[in-house]
Amino acid sequence: MTKKIFTISIICACFISYSGHYVQASEANKNLPNDQHIEITADRLEAYDEKKLVIFTGNAVATQGGRIIKAERLLLYYKNEGKSSVREGLQGMGGTGDLEKIEAVGQVSVSQGKLLVTGEKAIFYQDTQKIVVTGGAMMRQVDNVIQGDKIEVFLNENRGVVEASKNKRVKATIYPAEQSTGP
């Protein structure tokens, strides 16, 4: 098991190191503040104040700075810290500082710069700036592609971890930067 994790770490390191463009884009986005506003569009919105939950359904798109999350459904979970007054209502759930996580379900794509991660489900953790994608997870950067069952992307750390299920393996196709044909 340790050998498998070590091999996956090496692949991810190669994936990131072969693409100088991503490192530059990541450095530019590395200092994106967690409290930047999030803009969300969808066909429908449902809000549950007591649960601190807002659900966007139908072609949902969340944008924060240069980061875009698209899915059939987006569920926004807010922190419960000290907000027990019913009178505060939904006004108390407006700031991104109160946001705990965003769960994206159905044909998920997460993009930032030239990095694109896709799958069937993703969870974005606001405080740690981490995204976990599952269900046919694929990470693409220009021509380079890594596939697995679970992909974790640490946005502020310029690193990722790709895992495969017990009966599958991680698959990576990586090109040196000078041979890449993408933009």
N, C-alpha and C. Protein backbone atom coordinates (compact mmCIF):
# COMPACT_ATOMS: atom_id res chain seq x y z
N MET A 1 0.82 -1.19 0.00
CA MET A 1 0.00 0.00 0.00
C MET A 1 0.87 1.26 0.00
N THR A 2 1.94 1.26 0.82
CA THR A 2 2.83 2.41 0.87
C THR A 2 3.50 2.62 -0.48
N LYS A 3 3.87 1.52 -1.15
CA LYS A 3 4.49 1.62 -2.47
C LYS A 3 3.52 2.25 -3.46
N LYS A 4 2.23 1.89 -3.36
CA LYS A 4 1.21 2.44 -4.26
C LYS A 4 1.07 3.95 -4.05
N ILE A 5 1.01 4.38 -2.80
CA ILE A 5 0.89 5.82 -2.50
C ILE A 5 2.13 6.57 -2.97
N PHE A 6 3.31 5.98 -2.75
CA PHE A 6 4.56 6.60 -3.19
C PHE A 6 4.57 6.76 -4.71
N THR A 7 4.14 5.71 -5.43
CA THR A 7 4.10 5.77 -6.90
C THR A 7 3.15 6.84 -7.38
N ILE A 8 1.98 6.93 -6.76
CA ILE A 8 1.00 7.94 -7.14
C ILE A 8 1.56 9.34 -6.87
N SER A 9 2.25 9.51 -5.75
CA SER A 9 2.86 10.81 -5.43
C SER A 9 3.89 11.21 -6.47
N ILE A 10 4.69 10.24 -6.92
CA ILE A 10 5.70 10.51 -7.96
C ILE A 10 5.00 10.94 -9.26
N ILE A 11 3.93 10.24 -9.63
CA ILE A 11 3.20 10.58 -10.85
C ILE A 11 2.65 12.00 -10.76
N CYS A 12 2.04 12.33 -9.62
CA CYS A 12 1.48 13.68 -9.44
C CYS A 12 2.59 14.73 -9.50
N ALA A 13 3.73 14.42 -8.89
CA ALA A 13 4.85 15.37 -8.92
C ALA A 13 5.32 15.58 -10.36
N CYS A 14 5.40 14.49 -11.13
CA CYS A 14 5.78 14.62 -12.54
C CYS A 14 4.74 15.41 -13.30
N PHE A 15 3.48 15.15 -13.03
CA PHE A 15 2.39 15.84 -13.72
C PHE A 15 2.51 17.35 -13.50
N ILE A 16 2.75 17.74 -12.29
CA ILE A 16 2.84 19.16 -11.98
C ILE A 16 4.14 19.76 -12.50
N SER A 17 5.26 19.03 -12.39
CA SER A 17 6.54 19.60 -12.79
C SER A 17 6.70 19.73 -14.30
N TYR A 18 6.03 18.86 -15.09
CA TYR A 18 6.15 18.94 -16.54
C TYR A 18 5.35 20.08 -17.15
N SER A 19 4.54 20.69 -16.38
CA SER A 19 3.71 21.74 -16.96
C SER A 19 3.99 23.06 -16.28
N GLY A 20 4.94 23.77 -16.78
CA GLY A 20 5.32 25.06 -16.24
C GLY A 20 4.19 26.06 -16.27
N HIS A 21 3.30 25.93 -17.26
CA HIS A 21 2.17 26.85 -17.34
C HIS A 21 1.30 26.75 -16.11
N TYR A 22 1.06 25.54 -15.61
CA TYR A 22 0.21 25.36 -14.44
C TYR A 22 0.84 25.99 -13.22
N VAL A 23 2.13 25.80 -13.05
CA VAL A 23 2.80 26.37 -11.90
C VAL A 23 2.62 27.88 -11.90
N GLN A 24 2.77 28.53 -13.07
CA GLN A 24 2.58 29.96 -13.15
C GLN A 24 1.15 30.35 -12.83
N ALA A 25 0.18 29.63 -13.37
CA ALA A 25 -1.23 29.92 -13.10
C ALA A 25 -1.54 29.68 -11.64
N SER A 26 -0.97 28.60 -11.08
CA SER A 26 -1.23 28.29 -9.69
C SER A 26 -0.65 29.36 -8.77
N GLU A 27 0.55 29.82 -9.08
CA GLU A 27 1.16 30.87 -8.27
C GLU A 27 0.33 32.14 -8.32
N ALA A 28 -0.23 32.44 -9.50
CA ALA A 28 -1.07 33.63 -9.61
C ALA A 28 -2.34 33.49 -8.79
N ASN A 29 -2.90 32.27 -8.72
CA ASN A 29 -4.14 32.04 -7.99
C ASN A 29 -3.90 31.60 -6.55
N LYS A 30 -2.66 31.35 -6.18
CA LYS A 30 -2.35 30.83 -4.85
C LYS A 30 -2.82 31.75 -3.75
N ASN A 31 -2.77 33.04 -4.00
CA ASN A 31 -3.13 34.00 -2.98
C ASN A 31 -4.58 34.46 -3.08
N LEU A 32 -5.42 33.69 -3.79
CA LEU A 32 -6.84 34.05 -3.83
C LEU A 32 -7.37 33.98 -2.41
N PRO A 33 -7.95 35.05 -1.89
CA PRO A 33 -8.45 35.01 -0.53
C PRO A 33 -9.69 34.12 -0.42
N ASN A 34 -9.81 33.43 0.71
CA ASN A 34 -10.96 32.58 0.95
C ASN A 34 -12.24 33.39 1.06
N ASP A 35 -12.14 34.68 1.31
CA ASP A 35 -13.34 35.48 1.51
C ASP A 35 -13.77 36.22 0.24
N GLN A 36 -13.18 35.88 -0.91
CA GLN A 36 -13.67 36.46 -2.16
C GLN A 36 -15.11 36.02 -2.35
N HIS A 37 -15.90 36.87 -2.95
CA HIS A 37 -17.31 36.51 -3.15
C HIS A 37 -17.42 35.31 -4.09
N ILE A 38 -18.50 34.56 -3.90
CA ILE A 38 -18.81 33.43 -4.76
C ILE A 38 -20.09 33.78 -5.51
N GLU A 39 -20.05 33.69 -6.82
CA GLU A 39 -21.23 33.94 -7.64
C GLU A 39 -21.77 32.60 -8.12
N ILE A 40 -23.08 32.37 -7.90
CA ILE A 40 -23.68 31.10 -8.28
C ILE A 40 -24.91 31.36 -9.15
N THR A 41 -25.00 30.62 -10.25
CA THR A 41 -26.19 30.68 -11.09
C THR A 41 -26.73 29.26 -11.24
N ALA A 42 -28.06 29.16 -11.32
CA ALA A 42 -28.72 27.86 -11.47
C ALA A 42 -30.16 28.09 -11.88
N ASP A 43 -30.86 27.01 -12.20
CA ASP A 43 -32.27 27.10 -12.56
C ASP A 43 -33.18 27.24 -11.34
N ARG A 44 -32.74 26.73 -10.19
CA ARG A 44 -33.58 26.74 -8.99
C ARG A 44 -32.71 26.85 -7.74
N LEU A 45 -33.26 27.49 -6.71
CA LEU A 45 -32.58 27.63 -5.43
C LEU A 45 -33.56 27.24 -4.32
N GLU A 46 -33.07 26.41 -3.38
CA GLU A 46 -33.83 26.06 -2.19
C GLU A 46 -32.94 26.38 -1.00
N ALA A 47 -33.50 27.05 0.03
CA ALA A 47 -32.71 27.42 1.20
C ALA A 47 -33.37 26.87 2.46
N TYR A 48 -32.55 26.29 3.32
CA TYR A 48 -32.99 25.71 4.59
C TYR A 48 -32.17 26.34 5.70
N ASP A 49 -32.74 27.38 6.33
CA ASP A 49 -32.02 28.15 7.34
C ASP A 49 -31.60 27.30 8.53
N GLU A 50 -32.51 26.48 9.04
CA GLU A 50 -32.19 25.68 10.23
C GLU A 50 -31.05 24.69 9.96
N LYS A 51 -30.99 24.18 8.73
CA LYS A 51 -29.94 23.23 8.37
C LYS A 51 -28.67 23.93 7.90
N LYS A 52 -28.74 25.25 7.72
CA LYS A 52 -27.61 26.03 7.17
C LYS A 52 -27.20 25.44 5.82
N LEU A 53 -28.21 25.24 4.95
CA LEU A 53 -28.00 24.59 3.66
C LEU A 53 -28.74 25.35 2.57
N VAL A 54 -28.04 25.57 1.44
CA VAL A 54 -28.65 26.15 0.25
C VAL A 54 -28.36 25.20 -0.90
N ILE A 55 -29.41 24.86 -1.67
CA ILE A 55 -29.26 23.91 -2.77
C ILE A 55 -29.59 24.61 -4.08
N PHE A 56 -28.65 24.57 -5.02
CA PHE A 56 -28.85 25.09 -6.36
C PHE A 56 -28.97 23.90 -7.30
N THR A 57 -30.03 23.85 -8.12
CA THR A 57 -30.21 22.73 -9.04
C THR A 57 -30.42 23.24 -10.46
N GLY A 58 -30.02 22.41 -11.43
CA GLY A 58 -30.18 22.74 -12.84
C GLY A 58 -29.08 23.62 -13.37
N ASN A 59 -28.11 23.03 -14.02
CA ASN A 59 -26.99 23.77 -14.63
C ASN A 59 -26.36 24.75 -13.65
N ALA A 60 -26.01 24.28 -12.49
CA ALA A 60 -25.44 25.13 -11.45
C ALA A 60 -23.97 25.45 -11.73
N VAL A 61 -23.61 26.72 -11.57
CA VAL A 61 -22.24 27.17 -11.79
C VAL A 61 -21.85 28.09 -10.64
N ALA A 62 -20.75 27.74 -9.95
CA ALA A 62 -20.21 28.58 -8.88
C ALA A 62 -18.86 29.11 -9.32
N THR A 63 -18.67 30.42 -9.19
CA THR A 63 -17.41 31.06 -9.58
C THR A 63 -16.86 31.83 -8.39
N GLN A 64 -15.57 31.61 -8.09
CA GLN A 64 -14.87 32.38 -7.06
C GLN A 64 -13.50 32.72 -7.62
N GLY A 65 -13.31 33.99 -7.94
CA GLY A 65 -12.05 34.39 -8.58
C GLY A 65 -11.89 33.65 -9.89
N GLY A 66 -10.78 32.96 -10.06
CA GLY A 66 -10.51 32.21 -11.28
C GLY A 66 -10.95 30.76 -11.21
N ARG A 67 -11.66 30.38 -10.16
CA ARG A 67 -12.09 29.00 -9.95
C ARG A 67 -13.55 28.86 -10.33
N ILE A 68 -13.89 27.81 -11.10
CA ILE A 68 -15.27 27.59 -11.54
C ILE A 68 -15.65 26.14 -11.24
N ILE A 69 -16.81 25.96 -10.58
CA ILE A 69 -17.35 24.63 -10.31
C ILE A 69 -18.69 24.54 -11.03
N LYS A 70 -18.85 23.52 -11.88
CA LYS A 70 -20.10 23.29 -12.60
C LYS A 70 -20.63 21.90 -12.24
N ALA A 71 -21.97 21.80 -12.10
CA ALA A 71 -22.60 20.52 -11.78
C ALA A 71 -24.10 20.62 -11.98
N GLU A 72 -24.76 19.48 -11.94
CA GLU A 72 -26.22 19.47 -12.01
C GLU A 72 -26.81 20.06 -10.73
N ARG A 73 -26.16 19.77 -9.57
CA ARG A 73 -26.61 20.30 -8.27
C ARG A 73 -25.43 20.77 -7.45
N LEU A 74 -25.60 21.91 -6.79
CA LEU A 74 -24.60 22.41 -5.84
C LEU A 74 -25.29 22.57 -4.49
N LEU A 75 -24.69 21.98 -3.47
CA LEU A 75 -25.21 22.10 -2.11
C LEU A 75 -24.19 22.91 -1.31
N LEU A 76 -24.60 24.04 -0.78
CA LEU A 76 -23.73 24.89 0.03
C LEU A 76 -24.06 24.68 1.49
N TYR A 77 -23.06 24.26 2.26
CA TYR A 77 -23.22 24.04 3.69
C TYR A 77 -22.52 25.17 4.43
N TYR A 78 -23.24 25.81 5.34
CA TYR A 78 -22.70 26.91 6.11
C TYR A 78 -22.40 26.46 7.53
N LYS A 79 -21.44 27.13 8.16
CA LYS A 79 -21.04 26.80 9.52
C LYS A 79 -22.14 27.22 10.49
N ASN A 80 -22.26 26.48 11.57
CA ASN A 80 -23.26 26.76 12.60
C ASN A 80 -22.72 27.60 13.74
N GLU A 81 -21.52 28.08 13.64
CA GLU A 81 -20.83 28.78 14.73
C GLU A 81 -21.62 29.98 15.24
N GLY A 82 -22.24 29.83 16.42
CA GLY A 82 -22.87 30.95 17.10
C GLY A 82 -24.04 31.57 16.39
N LYS A 83 -24.63 30.93 15.43
CA LYS A 83 -25.74 31.51 14.67
C LYS A 83 -26.99 30.71 14.94
N SER A 84 -27.56 30.89 16.12
CA SER A 84 -28.73 30.11 16.48
C SER A 84 -30.01 30.93 16.43
N SER A 85 -29.93 32.20 16.23
CA SER A 85 -31.10 33.05 16.21
C SER A 85 -31.88 32.86 14.92
N VAL A 86 -33.16 32.53 15.04
CA VAL A 86 -34.01 32.36 13.87
C VAL A 86 -34.18 33.68 13.15
N ARG A 87 -34.15 34.79 13.87
CA ARG A 87 -34.35 36.10 13.26
C ARG A 87 -33.26 36.46 12.25
N GLU A 88 -32.08 35.87 12.40
CA GLU A 88 -31.01 36.17 11.45
C GLU A 88 -31.36 35.68 10.07
N GLY A 89 -32.14 34.60 10.00
CA GLY A 89 -32.61 34.07 8.72
C GLY A 89 -31.47 33.84 7.75
N LEU A 90 -31.79 33.92 6.49
CA LEU A 90 -30.81 33.65 5.44
C LEU A 90 -29.78 34.76 5.32
N GLN A 91 -30.04 35.93 5.90
CA GLN A 91 -29.04 37.00 5.84
C GLN A 91 -27.75 36.58 6.53
N GLY A 92 -27.84 35.69 7.51
CA GLY A 92 -26.66 35.24 8.24
C GLY A 92 -25.83 34.25 7.46
N MET A 93 -26.29 33.83 6.28
CA MET A 93 -25.56 32.83 5.51
C MET A 93 -24.97 33.43 4.24
N GLY A 94 -24.75 34.73 4.22
CA GLY A 94 -24.33 35.36 2.99
C GLY A 94 -22.86 35.39 2.71
N GLY A 95 -21.99 35.40 3.72
CA GLY A 95 -20.56 35.58 3.48
C GLY A 95 -19.84 34.29 3.20
N THR A 96 -18.79 34.34 2.38
CA THR A 96 -18.02 33.13 2.11
C THR A 96 -17.25 32.70 3.35
N GLY A 97 -17.01 33.59 4.29
CA GLY A 97 -16.35 33.22 5.53
C GLY A 97 -17.17 32.26 6.34
N ASP A 98 -18.49 32.27 6.15
CA ASP A 98 -19.39 31.36 6.84
C ASP A 98 -19.54 30.04 6.10
N LEU A 99 -19.08 29.97 4.88
CA LEU A 99 -19.23 28.77 4.06
C LEU A 99 -18.28 27.69 4.55
N GLU A 100 -18.84 26.50 4.77
CA GLU A 100 -18.02 25.36 5.18
C GLU A 100 -17.55 24.57 3.97
N LYS A 101 -18.52 24.19 3.11
CA LYS A 101 -18.15 23.39 1.94
C LYS A 101 -19.23 23.52 0.88
N ILE A 102 -18.82 23.18 -0.35
CA ILE A 102 -19.74 23.08 -1.47
C ILE A 102 -19.66 21.65 -1.98
N GLU A 103 -20.81 21.00 -2.07
CA GLU A 103 -20.87 19.66 -2.62
C GLU A 103 -21.49 19.75 -4.01
N ALA A 104 -20.79 19.26 -5.02
CA ALA A 104 -21.27 19.28 -6.40
C ALA A 104 -21.61 17.85 -6.81
N VAL A 105 -22.79 17.68 -7.42
CA VAL A 105 -23.25 16.34 -7.78
C VAL A 105 -23.74 16.34 -9.22
N GLY A 106 -23.28 15.36 -10.01
CA GLY A 106 -23.74 15.18 -11.38
C GLY A 106 -22.94 15.95 -12.40
N GLN A 107 -22.20 15.25 -13.24
CA GLN A 107 -21.39 15.84 -14.31
C GLN A 107 -20.59 17.04 -13.83
N VAL A 108 -19.75 16.79 -12.84
CA VAL A 108 -19.00 17.85 -12.18
C VAL A 108 -17.75 18.21 -12.96
N SER A 109 -17.47 19.51 -13.06
CA SER A 109 -16.19 19.98 -13.57
C SER A 109 -15.72 21.12 -12.69
N VAL A 110 -14.44 21.06 -12.34
CA VAL A 110 -13.81 22.09 -11.52
C VAL A 110 -12.62 22.59 -12.31
N SER A 111 -12.57 23.90 -12.57
CA SER A 111 -11.45 24.43 -13.34
C SER A 111 -10.84 25.63 -12.63
N GLN A 112 -9.53 25.75 -12.81
CA GLN A 112 -8.77 26.89 -12.31
C GLN A 112 -7.56 27.03 -13.22
N GLY A 113 -7.50 28.12 -13.92
CA GLY A 113 -6.43 28.29 -14.89
C GLY A 113 -6.53 27.20 -15.95
N LYS A 114 -5.41 26.51 -16.21
CA LYS A 114 -5.40 25.45 -17.23
C LYS A 114 -5.66 24.08 -16.63
N LEU A 115 -6.01 24.03 -15.36
CA LEU A 115 -6.29 22.77 -14.69
C LEU A 115 -7.79 22.50 -14.73
N LEU A 116 -8.18 21.28 -15.13
CA LEU A 116 -9.58 20.86 -15.17
C LEU A 116 -9.69 19.50 -14.51
N VAL A 117 -10.60 19.39 -13.53
CA VAL A 117 -10.86 18.13 -12.85
C VAL A 117 -12.33 17.82 -13.05
N THR A 118 -12.63 16.58 -13.49
CA THR A 118 -14.02 16.19 -13.72
C THR A 118 -14.34 14.89 -12.99
N GLY A 119 -15.63 14.67 -12.75
CA GLY A 119 -16.10 13.45 -12.10
C GLY A 119 -17.59 13.54 -11.87
N GLU A 120 -18.13 12.61 -11.11
CA GLU A 120 -19.58 12.61 -10.82
C GLU A 120 -19.92 13.33 -9.54
N LYS A 121 -18.95 13.45 -8.62
CA LYS A 121 -19.21 14.14 -7.35
C LYS A 121 -17.93 14.84 -6.92
N ALA A 122 -18.10 16.03 -6.33
CA ALA A 122 -16.94 16.77 -5.81
C ALA A 122 -17.35 17.50 -4.54
N ILE A 123 -16.40 17.62 -3.63
CA ILE A 123 -16.62 18.41 -2.43
C ILE A 123 -15.48 19.42 -2.34
N PHE A 124 -15.84 20.70 -2.27
CA PHE A 124 -14.87 21.78 -2.13
C PHE A 124 -14.94 22.28 -0.70
N TYR A 125 -13.81 22.21 0.02
CA TYR A 125 -13.72 22.67 1.40
C TYR A 125 -13.15 24.09 1.40
N GLN A 126 -13.96 25.05 1.81
CA GLN A 126 -13.59 26.46 1.73
C GLN A 126 -12.35 26.80 2.56
N ASP A 127 -12.31 26.38 3.83
CA ASP A 127 -11.21 26.77 4.71
C ASP A 127 -9.86 26.23 4.26
N THR A 128 -9.82 24.98 3.81
CA THR A 128 -8.55 24.37 3.41
C THR A 128 -8.27 24.50 1.93
N GLN A 129 -9.25 25.01 1.15
CA GLN A 129 -9.10 25.14 -0.30
C GLN A 129 -8.70 23.81 -0.93
N LYS A 130 -9.44 22.76 -0.53
CA LYS A 130 -9.21 21.40 -1.04
C LYS A 130 -10.45 20.94 -1.77
N ILE A 131 -10.25 20.24 -2.90
CA ILE A 131 -11.35 19.66 -3.65
C ILE A 131 -11.12 18.16 -3.75
N VAL A 132 -12.16 17.38 -3.44
CA VAL A 132 -12.11 15.93 -3.55
C VAL A 132 -13.14 15.53 -4.61
N VAL A 133 -12.67 14.88 -5.68
CA VAL A 133 -13.53 14.48 -6.79
C VAL A 133 -13.55 12.96 -6.87
N THR A 134 -14.76 12.38 -7.02
CA THR A 134 -14.92 10.94 -7.12
C THR A 134 -15.85 10.60 -8.29
N GLY A 135 -15.87 9.32 -8.66
CA GLY A 135 -16.76 8.87 -9.73
C GLY A 135 -16.19 9.16 -11.10
N GLY A 136 -15.30 8.31 -11.58
CA GLY A 136 -14.68 8.53 -12.89
C GLY A 136 -13.85 9.80 -12.91
N ALA A 137 -13.12 10.04 -11.84
CA ALA A 137 -12.35 11.28 -11.69
C ALA A 137 -11.22 11.37 -12.70
N MET A 138 -11.08 12.55 -13.29
CA MET A 138 -10.02 12.80 -14.27
C MET A 138 -9.48 14.21 -14.07
N MET A 139 -8.16 14.35 -14.07
CA MET A 139 -7.50 15.64 -13.96
C MET A 139 -6.75 15.90 -15.27
N ARG A 140 -7.03 17.03 -15.89
CA ARG A 140 -6.43 17.36 -17.18
C ARG A 140 -5.78 18.74 -17.08
N GLN A 141 -4.59 18.80 -17.67
CA GLN A 141 -3.89 20.07 -17.78
C GLN A 141 -3.20 20.07 -19.13
N VAL A 142 -3.69 20.91 -20.01
CA VAL A 142 -3.27 20.94 -21.41
C VAL A 142 -3.47 19.52 -21.96
N ASP A 143 -2.41 18.83 -22.40
CA ASP A 143 -2.54 17.47 -22.94
C ASP A 143 -2.38 16.39 -21.86
N ASN A 144 -1.85 16.74 -20.72
CA ASN A 144 -1.59 15.77 -19.66
C ASN A 144 -2.90 15.36 -18.99
N VAL A 145 -3.05 14.05 -18.75
CA VAL A 145 -4.28 13.52 -18.17
C VAL A 145 -3.93 12.49 -17.11
N ILE A 146 -4.62 12.56 -15.96
CA ILE A 146 -4.50 11.55 -14.92
C ILE A 146 -5.91 11.11 -14.56
N GLN A 147 -6.12 9.79 -14.49
CA GLN A 147 -7.43 9.24 -14.16
C GLN A 147 -7.33 8.33 -12.95
N GLY A 148 -8.37 8.33 -12.15
CA GLY A 148 -8.44 7.47 -10.98
C GLY A 148 -9.85 7.48 -10.42
N ASP A 149 -10.04 6.81 -9.31
CA ASP A 149 -11.36 6.79 -8.68
C ASP A 149 -11.57 8.00 -7.78
N LYS A 150 -10.48 8.54 -7.24
CA LYS A 150 -10.57 9.69 -6.34
C LYS A 150 -9.39 10.61 -6.60
N ILE A 151 -9.69 11.90 -6.77
CA ILE A 151 -8.65 12.90 -6.96
C ILE A 151 -8.83 13.98 -5.91
N GLU A 152 -7.77 14.27 -5.18
CA GLU A 152 -7.77 15.36 -4.23
C GLU A 152 -6.83 16.44 -4.77
N VAL A 153 -7.33 17.66 -4.86
CA VAL A 153 -6.52 18.78 -5.33
C VAL A 153 -6.43 19.80 -4.20
N PHE A 154 -5.20 20.11 -3.79
CA PHE A 154 -4.94 21.10 -2.75
C PHE A 154 -4.57 22.39 -3.47
N LEU A 155 -5.56 23.27 -3.64
CA LEU A 155 -5.41 24.43 -4.51
C LEU A 155 -4.32 25.40 -4.07
N ASN A 156 -4.15 25.60 -2.78
CA ASN A 156 -3.14 26.55 -2.30
C ASN A 156 -1.77 25.93 -2.14
N GLU A 157 -1.65 24.64 -2.36
CA GLU A 157 -0.38 23.94 -2.16
C GLU A 157 0.24 23.45 -3.45
N ASN A 158 -0.43 23.65 -4.59
CA ASN A 158 0.10 23.21 -5.88
C ASN A 158 0.42 21.72 -5.89
N ARG A 159 -0.53 20.92 -5.36
CA ARG A 159 -0.32 19.47 -5.36
C ARG A 159 -1.65 18.74 -5.43
N GLY A 160 -1.57 17.48 -5.82
CA GLY A 160 -2.76 16.64 -5.89
C GLY A 160 -2.42 15.21 -5.58
N VAL A 161 -3.44 14.44 -5.22
CA VAL A 161 -3.28 13.02 -4.93
C VAL A 161 -4.35 12.28 -5.71
N VAL A 162 -3.96 11.22 -6.42
CA VAL A 162 -4.88 10.43 -7.21
C VAL A 162 -4.84 9.00 -6.67
N GLU A 163 -6.03 8.43 -6.42
CA GLU A 163 -6.11 7.07 -5.89
C GLU A 163 -7.00 6.23 -6.79
N ALA A 164 -6.71 4.95 -6.83
CA ALA A 164 -7.53 3.99 -7.57
C ALA A 164 -8.17 3.04 -6.58
N SER A 165 -9.27 2.42 -6.99
CA SER A 165 -9.91 1.43 -6.13
C SER A 165 -9.05 0.17 -6.08
N LYS A 166 -9.47 -0.76 -5.26
CA LYS A 166 -8.69 -1.97 -5.03
C LYS A 166 -8.38 -2.75 -6.31
N ASN A 167 -9.33 -2.81 -7.23
CA ASN A 167 -9.16 -3.61 -8.44
C ASN A 167 -8.75 -2.80 -9.67
N LYS A 168 -8.49 -1.53 -9.49
CA LYS A 168 -8.10 -0.67 -10.60
C LYS A 168 -6.76 -0.02 -10.32
N ARG A 169 -6.27 0.69 -11.33
CA ARG A 169 -4.99 1.40 -11.18
C ARG A 169 -5.14 2.82 -11.67
N VAL A 170 -4.30 3.68 -11.20
CA VAL A 170 -4.25 5.06 -11.67
C VAL A 170 -3.62 5.05 -13.05
N LYS A 171 -4.14 5.87 -13.95
CA LYS A 171 -3.61 5.95 -15.31
C LYS A 171 -3.19 7.39 -15.58
N ALA A 172 -1.98 7.58 -16.08
CA ALA A 172 -1.48 8.92 -16.37
C ALA A 172 -0.86 8.96 -17.76
N THR A 173 -1.15 10.03 -18.49
CA THR A 173 -0.51 10.31 -19.76
C THR A 173 0.10 11.70 -19.61
N ILE A 174 1.43 11.76 -19.63
CA ILE A 174 2.13 13.01 -19.34
C ILE A 174 3.11 13.32 -20.46
N TYR A 175 3.07 14.55 -20.93
CA TYR A 175 3.95 15.00 -22.00
C TYR A 175 4.92 16.05 -21.46
N PRO A 176 6.17 16.03 -21.92
CA PRO A 176 7.07 17.13 -21.57
C PRO A 176 6.50 18.44 -22.09
N ALA A 177 6.78 19.53 -21.44
CA ALA A 177 6.19 20.84 -21.77
C ALA A 177 6.42 21.23 -23.22
N GLU A 178 7.60 20.96 -23.76
CA GLU A 178 7.89 21.38 -25.14
C GLU A 178 7.15 20.55 -26.17
N GLN A 179 6.60 19.36 -25.81
CA GLN A 179 5.87 18.52 -26.76
C GLN A 179 4.36 18.72 -26.65
N SER A 180 3.93 19.46 -25.68
CA SER A 180 2.49 19.67 -25.47
C SER A 180 1.90 20.44 -26.64
N THR A 181 0.73 20.02 -27.11
CA THR A 181 0.11 20.67 -28.27
C THR A 181 -1.01 21.60 -27.84
N GLY A 182 -1.34 21.65 -26.56
CA GLY A 182 -2.45 22.49 -26.07
C GLY A 182 -2.08 23.95 -26.03
N PRO A 183 -3.07 24.78 -25.62
CA PRO A 183 -2.83 26.23 -25.57
C PRO A 183 -1.84 26.65 -24.53
